[in-house]
Amino acid sequence: AYGGQRMADSKFDKSLVTLPQTLRIFGYGTLRRGHSNHALLEMSKFMGEAATLRTYWMITTGIFPVVLDAVPADFELPPLAIAGEIYHVDDATLEQLDRVERKGRFYDSKVTDVHAASHKVQAHIYIGVADYWHHRHLPAWSIQNKRRELEWAPV
């Protein structure tokens, strides 16, 4: 009985060990290589360029873009796929990103399907909170890359 109990304890102990989790982040603005917040991802694994399978709208502050999954009624442009990059990030990096992106106030983190290196994967994307951004009347971003995806760059 003691040996059996001992084995149960060791199984239980292993279940308490948490390995660092990694998840995919889709960066479409200042988190991308060569842009102002990329330093936050320097220790993360770059997985390649990608684009959303779903279409979205993009607005810009001039300093950074905001992707929206809903727009005000008077918004003139159609939604398009968004160009970006995929990174594998750990929990600590994700917490830092959530702080920088002001998750819950400026952005929500949502999961979206992205097309990367000829296959589909799921990744977290920061989507602008409608209640925060809609009434600000920021200009729409309409510049597209050769694949007709919205691709942001600072102006």
C-alpha atoms as a PDB file:
ATOM      1  CA  ALA A   1       0.000   0.000   0.000  1.00  0.00           C
ATOM      2  CA  TYR A   2       2.838   2.387   0.826  1.00  0.00           C
ATOM      3  CA  GLY A   3       4.517   1.859  -2.582  1.00  0.00           C
ATOM      4  CA  GLY A   4       1.228   2.504  -4.366  1.00  0.00           C
ATOM      5  CA  GLN A   5       0.685   5.668  -2.366  1.00  0.00           C
ATOM      6  CA  ARG A   6       4.208   6.821  -3.175  1.00  0.00           C
ATOM      7  CA  MET A   7       3.611   6.375  -6.908  1.00  0.00           C
ATOM      8  CA  ALA A   8       0.367   8.361  -6.713  1.00  0.00           C
ATOM      9  CA  ASP A   9       2.244  11.177  -4.942  1.00  0.00           C
ATOM     10  CA  SER A  10       4.935  11.332  -7.606  1.00  0.00           C
ATOM     11  CA  LYS A  11       2.311  11.479 -10.390  1.00  0.00           C
ATOM     12  CA  PHE A  12       0.558  14.254  -8.502  1.00  0.00           C
ATOM     13  CA  ASP A  13       3.817  16.183  -8.094  1.00  0.00           C
ATOM     14  CA  LYS A  14       4.485  16.033 -11.839  1.00  0.00           C
ATOM     15  CA  SER A  15       1.052  17.475 -12.594  1.00  0.00           C
ATOM     16  CA  LEU A  16       1.955  20.573 -10.565  1.00  0.00           C
ATOM     17  CA  VAL A  17       5.035  21.325 -12.665  1.00  0.00           C
ATOM     18  CA  THR A  18       4.131  23.906 -15.271  1.00  0.00           C
ATOM     19  CA  LEU A  19       6.311  24.238 -18.303  1.00  0.00           C
ATOM     20  CA  PRO A  20       6.570  27.645 -19.923  1.00  0.00           C
ATOM     21  CA  GLN A  21       3.824  27.917 -22.503  1.00  0.00           C
ATOM     22  CA  THR A  22       4.350  29.368 -25.928  1.00  0.00           C
ATOM     23  CA  LEU A  23       1.699  30.691 -28.205  1.00  0.00           C
ATOM     24  CA  ARG A  24       1.598  32.333 -31.576  1.00  0.00           C
ATOM     25  CA  ILE A  25       1.275  36.085 -31.856  1.00  0.00           C
ATOM     26  CA  PHE A  26       0.424  37.758 -35.148  1.00  0.00           C
ATOM     27  CA  GLY A  27       2.120  41.170 -35.266  1.00  0.00           C
ATOM     28  CA  TYR A  28       0.932  43.584 -37.933  1.00  0.00           C
ATOM     29  CA  GLY A  29       2.255  46.972 -36.818  1.00  0.00           C
ATOM     30  CA  THR A  30       4.973  48.203 -34.498  1.00  0.00           C
ATOM     31  CA  LEU A  31       5.795  44.652 -33.320  1.00  0.00           C
ATOM     32  CA  ARG A  32       7.118  43.704 -36.776  1.00  0.00           C
ATOM     33  CA  ARG A  33      10.815  43.617 -37.625  1.00  0.00           C
ATOM     34  CA  GLY A  34      12.233  47.080 -38.184  1.00  0.00           C
ATOM     35  CA  HIS A  35       9.458  48.838 -36.249  1.00  0.00           C
ATOM     36  CA  SER A  36       9.373  50.646 -32.909  1.00  0.00           C
ATOM     37  CA  ASN A  37       8.124  47.866 -30.568  1.00  0.00           C
ATOM     38  CA  HIS A  38       9.979  44.954 -32.171  1.00  0.00           C
ATOM     39  CA  ALA A  39      12.475  44.883 -29.269  1.00  0.00           C
ATOM     40  CA  LEU A  40       9.676  43.266 -27.202  1.00  0.00           C
ATOM     41  CA  LEU A  41       9.934  40.209 -29.483  1.00  0.00           C
ATOM     42  CA  GLU A  42      13.719  39.965 -29.837  1.00  0.00           C
ATOM     43  CA  MET A  43      13.870  36.913 -27.558  1.00  0.00           C
ATOM     44  CA  SER A  44      10.878  35.270 -29.253  1.00  0.00           C
ATOM     45  CA  LYS A  45      11.061  32.871 -32.171  1.00  0.00           C
ATOM     46  CA  PHE A  46      10.234  34.480 -35.521  1.00  0.00           C
ATOM     47  CA  MET A  47       8.125  31.998 -37.484  1.00  0.00           C
ATOM     48  CA  GLY A  48       7.782  33.958 -40.704  1.00  0.00           C
ATOM     49  CA  GLU A  49       5.585  36.322 -42.603  1.00  0.00           C
ATOM     50  CA  ALA A  50       1.869  35.649 -42.647  1.00  0.00           C
ATOM     51  CA  ALA A  51      -1.537  37.114 -43.462  1.00  0.00           C
ATOM     52  CA  THR A  52      -4.944  36.770 -41.858  1.00  0.00           C
ATOM     53  CA  LEU A  53      -7.420  34.512 -43.629  1.00  0.00           C
ATOM     54  CA  ARG A  54     -10.292  36.588 -42.286  1.00  0.00           C
ATOM     55  CA  THR A  55     -10.672  40.163 -43.516  1.00  0.00           C
ATOM     56  CA  TYR A  56     -10.436  43.167 -41.204  1.00  0.00           C
ATOM     57  CA  TRP A  57     -10.293  46.947 -41.363  1.00  0.00           C
ATOM     58  CA  MET A  58      -7.312  49.033 -40.332  1.00  0.00           C
ATOM     59  CA  ILE A  59      -7.056  52.582 -39.031  1.00  0.00           C
ATOM     60  CA  THR A  60      -3.893  54.444 -38.109  1.00  0.00           C
ATOM     61  CA  THR A  61      -2.818  57.018 -35.567  1.00  0.00           C
ATOM     62  CA  GLY A  62       0.204  57.762 -37.760  1.00  0.00           C
ATOM     63  CA  ILE A  63       2.406  56.181 -35.072  1.00  0.00           C
ATOM     64  CA  PHE A  64       0.730  52.765 -34.934  1.00  0.00           C
ATOM     65  CA  PRO A  65      -2.119  50.898 -36.658  1.00  0.00           C
ATOM     66  CA  VAL A  66      -5.307  49.487 -35.172  1.00  0.00           C
ATOM     67  CA  VAL A  67      -7.029  46.473 -36.723  1.00  0.00           C
ATOM     68  CA  LEU A  68     -10.804  46.408 -36.266  1.00  0.00           C
ATOM     69  CA  ASP A  69     -13.230  43.516 -36.695  1.00  0.00           C
ATOM     70  CA  ALA A  70     -16.198  45.915 -36.796  1.00  0.00           C
ATOM     71  CA  VAL A  71     -16.386  49.498 -38.053  1.00  0.00           C
ATOM     72  CA  PRO A  72     -18.745  52.468 -37.743  1.00  0.00           C
ATOM     73  CA  ALA A  73     -21.508  52.636 -40.351  1.00  0.00           C
ATOM     74  CA  ASP A  74     -19.863  55.543 -42.215  1.00  0.00           C
ATOM     75  CA  PHE A  75     -16.584  53.667 -42.755  1.00  0.00           C
ATOM     76  CA  GLU A  76     -15.954  53.739 -46.504  1.00  0.00           C
ATOM     77  CA  LEU A  77     -13.448  50.955 -47.170  1.00  0.00           C
ATOM     78  CA  PRO A  78     -14.005  47.193 -47.528  1.00  0.00           C
ATOM     79  CA  PRO A  79     -12.214  44.808 -45.162  1.00  0.00           C
ATOM     80  CA  LEU A  80      -9.082  43.051 -46.402  1.00  0.00           C
ATOM     81  CA  ALA A  81      -6.593  40.447 -45.183  1.00  0.00           C
ATOM     82  CA  ILE A  82      -3.884  41.886 -42.920  1.00  0.00           C
ATOM     83  CA  ALA A  83      -0.171  41.289 -43.587  1.00  0.00           C
ATOM     84  CA  GLY A  84       2.078  40.597 -40.605  1.00  0.00           C
ATOM     85  CA  GLU A  85       4.505  38.266 -38.888  1.00  0.00           C
ATOM     86  CA  ILE A  86       4.141  35.250 -36.621  1.00  0.00           C
ATOM     87  CA  TYR A  87       6.129  34.832 -33.407  1.00  0.00           C
ATOM     88  CA  HIS A  88       6.154  32.153 -30.743  1.00  0.00           C
ATOM     89  CA  VAL A  89       6.088  33.979 -27.399  1.00  0.00           C
ATOM     90  CA  ASP A  90       6.325  32.781 -23.804  1.00  0.00           C
ATOM     91  CA  ASP A  91       4.063  33.807 -20.916  1.00  0.00           C
ATOM     92  CA  ALA A  92       6.375  36.588 -19.718  1.00  0.00           C
ATOM     93  CA  THR A  93       6.558  38.124 -23.210  1.00  0.00           C
ATOM     94  CA  LEU A  94       2.797  37.834 -23.610  1.00  0.00           C
ATOM     95  CA  GLU A  95       2.253  39.696 -20.317  1.00  0.00           C
ATOM     96  CA  GLN A  96       4.582  42.449 -21.536  1.00  0.00           C
ATOM     97  CA  LEU A  97       2.766  42.674 -24.881  1.00  0.00           C
ATOM     98  CA  ASP A  98      -0.618  42.832 -23.146  1.00  0.00           C
ATOM     99  CA  ARG A  99       0.643  45.761 -21.041  1.00  0.00           C
ATOM    100  CA  VAL A 100       2.088  47.644 -24.024  1.00  0.00           C
ATOM    101  CA  GLU A 101      -1.054  47.043 -26.094  1.00  0.00           C
ATOM    102  CA  ARG A 102      -3.236  48.011 -23.098  1.00  0.00           C
ATOM    103  CA  LYS A 103      -5.243  44.818 -23.439  1.00  0.00           C
ATOM    104  CA  GLY A 104      -8.811  45.251 -22.282  1.00  0.00           C
ATOM    105  CA  ARG A 105      -8.817  49.003 -22.902  1.00  0.00           C
ATOM    106  CA  PHE A 106      -7.277  49.734 -26.336  1.00  0.00           C
ATOM    107  CA  TYR A 107      -7.138  46.164 -27.661  1.00  0.00           C
ATOM    108  CA  ASP A 108      -8.566  42.714 -27.099  1.00  0.00           C
ATOM    109  CA  SER A 109      -6.509  39.626 -27.852  1.00  0.00           C
ATOM    110  CA  LYS A 110      -8.447  37.322 -30.181  1.00  0.00           C
ATOM    111  CA  VAL A 111      -7.519  34.141 -32.018  1.00  0.00           C
ATOM    112  CA  THR A 112      -7.564  34.252 -35.801  1.00  0.00           C
ATOM    113  CA  ASP A 113      -6.562  31.919 -38.624  1.00  0.00           C
ATOM    114  CA  VAL A 114      -3.492  33.024 -40.517  1.00  0.00           C
ATOM    115  CA  HIS A 115      -1.813  31.729 -43.641  1.00  0.00           C
ATOM    116  CA  ALA A 116       1.908  31.256 -43.066  1.00  0.00           C
ATOM    117  CA  ALA A 117       4.406  29.392 -45.248  1.00  0.00           C
ATOM    118  CA  SER A 118       1.632  27.725 -47.267  1.00  0.00           C
ATOM    119  CA  HIS A 119      -0.283  26.349 -44.280  1.00  0.00           C
ATOM    120  CA  LYS A 120      -2.975  27.587 -41.913  1.00  0.00           C
ATOM    121  CA  VAL A 121      -2.272  28.176 -38.224  1.00  0.00           C
ATOM    122  CA  GLN A 122      -4.046  29.962 -35.422  1.00  0.00           C
ATOM    123  CA  ALA A 123      -2.485  32.980 -33.772  1.00  0.00           C
ATOM    124  CA  HIS A 124      -3.434  35.687 -31.307  1.00  0.00           C
ATOM    125  CA  ILE A 125      -4.048  39.107 -32.829  1.00  0.00           C
ATOM    126  CA  TYR A 126      -4.631  42.407 -31.059  1.00  0.00           C
ATOM    127  CA  ILE A 127      -7.973  43.811 -32.266  1.00  0.00           C
ATOM    128  CA  GLY A 128      -9.001  47.368 -31.421  1.00  0.00           C
ATOM    129  CA  VAL A 129     -11.787  47.722 -28.835  1.00  0.00           C
ATOM    130  CA  ALA A 130     -14.693  49.299 -30.752  1.00  0.00           C
ATOM    131  CA  ASP A 131     -15.878  51.433 -27.814  1.00  0.00           C
ATOM    132  CA  TYR A 132     -12.433  53.000 -27.565  1.00  0.00           C
ATOM    133  CA  TRP A 133     -11.585  53.549 -31.253  1.00  0.00           C
ATOM    134  CA  HIS A 134     -14.835  54.099 -33.195  1.00  0.00           C
ATOM    135  CA  HIS A 135     -15.569  57.634 -32.003  1.00  0.00           C
ATOM    136  CA  ARG A 136     -11.976  58.835 -32.605  1.00  0.00           C
ATOM    137  CA  HIS A 137     -12.468  59.108 -36.393  1.00  0.00           C
ATOM    138  CA  LEU A 138      -8.904  58.137 -37.239  1.00  0.00           C
ATOM    139  CA  PRO A 139      -7.982  57.767 -40.907  1.00  0.00           C
ATOM    140  CA  ALA A 140      -8.439  54.416 -42.560  1.00  0.00           C
ATOM    141  CA  TRP A 141      -5.298  52.629 -43.681  1.00  0.00           C
ATOM    142  CA  SER A 142      -5.667  51.543 -47.297  1.00  0.00           C
ATOM    143  CA  ILE A 143      -2.125  50.783 -48.503  1.00  0.00           C
ATOM    144  CA  GLN A 144      -1.835  47.222 -49.782  1.00  0.00           C
ATOM    145  CA  ASN A 145       1.061  44.966 -50.654  1.00  0.00           C
ATOM    146  CA  LYS A 146       1.270  43.068 -53.952  1.00  0.00           C
ATOM    147  CA  ARG A 147      -1.017  40.336 -52.535  1.00  0.00           C
ATOM    148  CA  ARG A 148      -3.737  42.949 -51.831  1.00  0.00           C
ATOM    149  CA  GLU A 149      -3.313  42.642 -48.048  1.00  0.00           C
ATOM    150  CA  LEU A 150      -3.327  45.728 -45.854  1.00  0.00           C
ATOM    151  CA  GLU A 151       0.285  46.334 -44.870  1.00  0.00           C
ATOM    152  CA  TRP A 152       1.058  49.078 -42.372  1.00  0.00           C
ATOM    153  CA  ALA A 153       4.160  51.259 -42.325  1.00  0.00           C
ATOM    154  CA  PRO A 154       4.791  54.456 -40.381  1.00  0.00           C
ATOM    155  CA  VAL A 155       4.134  57.629 -42.387  1.00  0.00           C
END
